[in-house]
Amino acid sequence: MTRPSQRTRSRKHISKALPGGRTNIHFKREVPKGGGCASCGKPLAGVSPLLPYEIRKVNKTRKSISRIYGGHLCPNCLKIALKQAARTLSVV
């Protein structure tokens, strides 16, 4: 019987051949979907789609992008938002 923590659909069931000729089921965590832009939903470049325990091991430059709204907006949506902010600022 599998452990209760393994009885979930968030784990992939992988059949592995053992040295004795038997096959066994290993449970692997699914790789999460990469981050997306909050405005248009396009996948963000430069943000690694990793599990939380893998993100802790990765250096800071691979976790997010160094510009403003780095892991939140794509460059095109950021450009549009900055233009809108400058337009509303100059009117007032």
C-alpha atoms as a PDB file:
ATOM      1  CA  MET A   1       0.000   0.000   0.000  1.00  0.00           C
ATOM      2  CA  THR A   2       1.292   3.444  -0.831  1.00  0.00           C
ATOM      3  CA  ARG A   3       1.809   6.084   1.806  1.00  0.00           C
ATOM      4  CA  PRO A   4      -1.092   8.510   2.249  1.00  0.00           C
ATOM      5  CA  SER A   5       1.108  11.398   1.145  1.00  0.00           C
ATOM      6  CA  GLN A   6       1.618   9.704  -2.227  1.00  0.00           C
ATOM      7  CA  ARG A   7      -2.082   9.075  -2.903  1.00  0.00           C
ATOM      8  CA  THR A   8      -2.698  12.299  -4.775  1.00  0.00           C
ATOM      9  CA  ARG A   9      -3.021  13.282  -8.398  1.00  0.00           C
ATOM     10  CA  SER A  10      -0.404  15.993  -8.027  1.00  0.00           C
ATOM     11  CA  ARG A  11       2.264  13.274  -8.154  1.00  0.00           C
ATOM     12  CA  LYS A  12       3.129  11.523 -11.404  1.00  0.00           C
ATOM     13  CA  HIS A  13       3.258   7.729 -11.342  1.00  0.00           C
ATOM     14  CA  ILE A  14       6.440   6.518 -13.031  1.00  0.00           C
ATOM     15  CA  SER A  15       7.140   2.816 -13.586  1.00  0.00           C
ATOM     16  CA  LYS A  16      10.783   1.983 -12.929  1.00  0.00           C
ATOM     17  CA  ALA A  17      12.520  -1.285 -13.757  1.00  0.00           C
ATOM     18  CA  LEU A  18      14.404  -2.652 -10.753  1.00  0.00           C
ATOM     19  CA  PRO A  19      17.629  -4.676 -11.003  1.00  0.00           C
ATOM     20  CA  GLY A  20      15.856  -7.944 -10.090  1.00  0.00           C
ATOM     21  CA  GLY A  21      13.587  -7.670 -13.122  1.00  0.00           C
ATOM     22  CA  ARG A  22      10.546  -6.373 -11.241  1.00  0.00           C
ATOM     23  CA  THR A  23       8.889  -3.043 -11.932  1.00  0.00           C
ATOM     24  CA  ASN A  24       8.047  -0.588  -9.204  1.00  0.00           C
ATOM     25  CA  ILE A  25       6.054   2.642  -9.129  1.00  0.00           C
ATOM     26  CA  HIS A  26       7.909   5.814  -8.151  1.00  0.00           C
ATOM     27  CA  PHE A  27       6.011   8.999  -7.401  1.00  0.00           C
ATOM     28  CA  LYS A  28       7.399  12.218  -8.797  1.00  0.00           C
ATOM     29  CA  ARG A  29       6.132  15.730  -8.197  1.00  0.00           C
ATOM     30  CA  GLU A  30       4.869  17.475 -11.327  1.00  0.00           C
ATOM     31  CA  VAL A  31       6.879  20.438 -12.567  1.00  0.00           C
ATOM     32  CA  PRO A  32       4.831  23.617 -12.064  1.00  0.00           C
ATOM     33  CA  LYS A  33       3.789  25.823 -14.937  1.00  0.00           C
ATOM     34  CA  GLY A  34       5.994  28.860 -15.405  1.00  0.00           C
ATOM     35  CA  GLY A  35       4.885  32.305 -14.295  1.00  0.00           C
ATOM     36  CA  GLY A  36       2.771  34.445 -16.546  1.00  0.00           C
ATOM     37  CA  CYS A  37       2.175  38.146 -17.083  1.00  0.00           C
ATOM     38  CA  ALA A  38      -0.533  39.543 -14.814  1.00  0.00           C
ATOM     39  CA  SER A  39      -1.930  41.664 -17.622  1.00  0.00           C
ATOM     40  CA  CYS A  40      -1.812  39.580 -20.827  1.00  0.00           C
ATOM     41  CA  GLY A  41      -1.055  36.093 -19.471  1.00  0.00           C
ATOM     42  CA  LYS A  42       1.969  35.536 -21.722  1.00  0.00           C
ATOM     43  CA  PRO A  43       4.693  33.328 -20.173  1.00  0.00           C
ATOM     44  CA  LEU A  44       7.427  35.329 -18.467  1.00  0.00           C
ATOM     45  CA  ALA A  45      10.956  34.878 -19.790  1.00  0.00           C
ATOM     46  CA  GLY A  46      13.731  34.669 -17.228  1.00  0.00           C
ATOM     47  CA  VAL A  47      11.644  33.207 -14.399  1.00  0.00           C
ATOM     48  CA  SER A  48      12.414  29.546 -13.750  1.00  0.00           C
ATOM     49  CA  PRO A  49       9.441  27.191 -13.312  1.00  0.00           C
ATOM     50  CA  LEU A  50      10.727  25.260 -10.307  1.00  0.00           C
ATOM     51  CA  LEU A  51       9.384  23.624  -7.179  1.00  0.00           C
ATOM     52  CA  PRO A  52       9.753  25.560  -3.907  1.00  0.00           C
ATOM     53  CA  TYR A  53      12.599  23.376  -2.629  1.00  0.00           C
ATOM     54  CA  GLU A  54      14.424  23.866  -5.938  1.00  0.00           C
ATOM     55  CA  ILE A  55      13.885  27.637  -5.909  1.00  0.00           C
ATOM     56  CA  ARG A  56      15.640  27.851  -2.537  1.00  0.00           C
ATOM     57  CA  LYS A  57      18.772  26.307  -4.053  1.00  0.00           C
ATOM     58  CA  VAL A  58      18.877  28.629  -7.090  1.00  0.00           C
ATOM     59  CA  ASN A  59      20.718  31.961  -7.033  1.00  0.00           C
ATOM     60  CA  LYS A  60      18.879  35.288  -6.962  1.00  0.00           C
ATOM     61  CA  THR A  61      19.326  36.132 -10.645  1.00  0.00           C
ATOM     62  CA  ARG A  62      17.410  33.020 -11.742  1.00  0.00           C
ATOM     63  CA  LYS A  63      14.489  33.676  -9.371  1.00  0.00           C
ATOM     64  CA  SER A  64      13.250  36.958 -10.819  1.00  0.00           C
ATOM     65  CA  ILE A  65      14.113  39.719 -13.253  1.00  0.00           C
ATOM     66  CA  SER A  66      15.866  42.841 -11.956  1.00  0.00           C
ATOM     67  CA  ARG A  67      13.664  45.485 -13.611  1.00  0.00           C
ATOM     68  CA  ILE A  68      10.579  46.976 -11.964  1.00  0.00           C
ATOM     69  CA  TYR A  69       7.605  44.586 -11.871  1.00  0.00           C
ATOM     70  CA  GLY A  70      10.183  41.950 -12.856  1.00  0.00           C
ATOM     71  CA  GLY A  71       8.353  38.714 -12.145  1.00  0.00           C
ATOM     72  CA  HIS A  72       4.923  40.268 -12.540  1.00  0.00           C
ATOM     73  CA  LEU A  73       4.612  41.959 -15.956  1.00  0.00           C
ATOM     74  CA  CYS A  74       6.106  41.172 -19.351  1.00  0.00           C
ATOM     75  CA  PRO A  75       8.216  43.921 -21.011  1.00  0.00           C
ATOM     76  CA  ASN A  76       5.470  44.958 -23.453  1.00  0.00           C
ATOM     77  CA  CYS A  77       2.818  45.373 -20.755  1.00  0.00           C
ATOM     78  CA  LEU A  78       5.327  47.222 -18.557  1.00  0.00           C
ATOM     79  CA  LYS A  79       6.054  49.653 -21.396  1.00  0.00           C
ATOM     80  CA  ILE A  80       2.331  50.315 -21.862  1.00  0.00           C
ATOM     81  CA  ALA A  81       1.804  50.785 -18.113  1.00  0.00           C
ATOM     82  CA  LEU A  82       4.710  53.238 -17.842  1.00  0.00           C
ATOM     83  CA  LYS A  83       3.375  55.249 -20.794  1.00  0.00           C
ATOM     84  CA  GLN A  84      -0.074  55.388 -19.181  1.00  0.00           C
ATOM     85  CA  ALA A  85       1.430  56.518 -15.868  1.00  0.00           C
ATOM     86  CA  ALA A  86       3.468  59.247 -17.588  1.00  0.00           C
ATOM     87  CA  ARG A  87       0.414  60.476 -19.487  1.00  0.00           C
ATOM     88  CA  THR A  88      -1.759  60.715 -16.384  1.00  0.00           C
ATOM     89  CA  LEU A  89       1.078  62.388 -14.460  1.00  0.00           C
ATOM     90  CA  SER A  90       1.624  65.095 -17.107  1.00  0.00           C
ATOM     91  CA  VAL A  91      -2.098  65.967 -17.289  1.00  0.00           C
ATOM     92  CA  VAL A  92      -2.425  66.736 -13.585  1.00  0.00           C
END
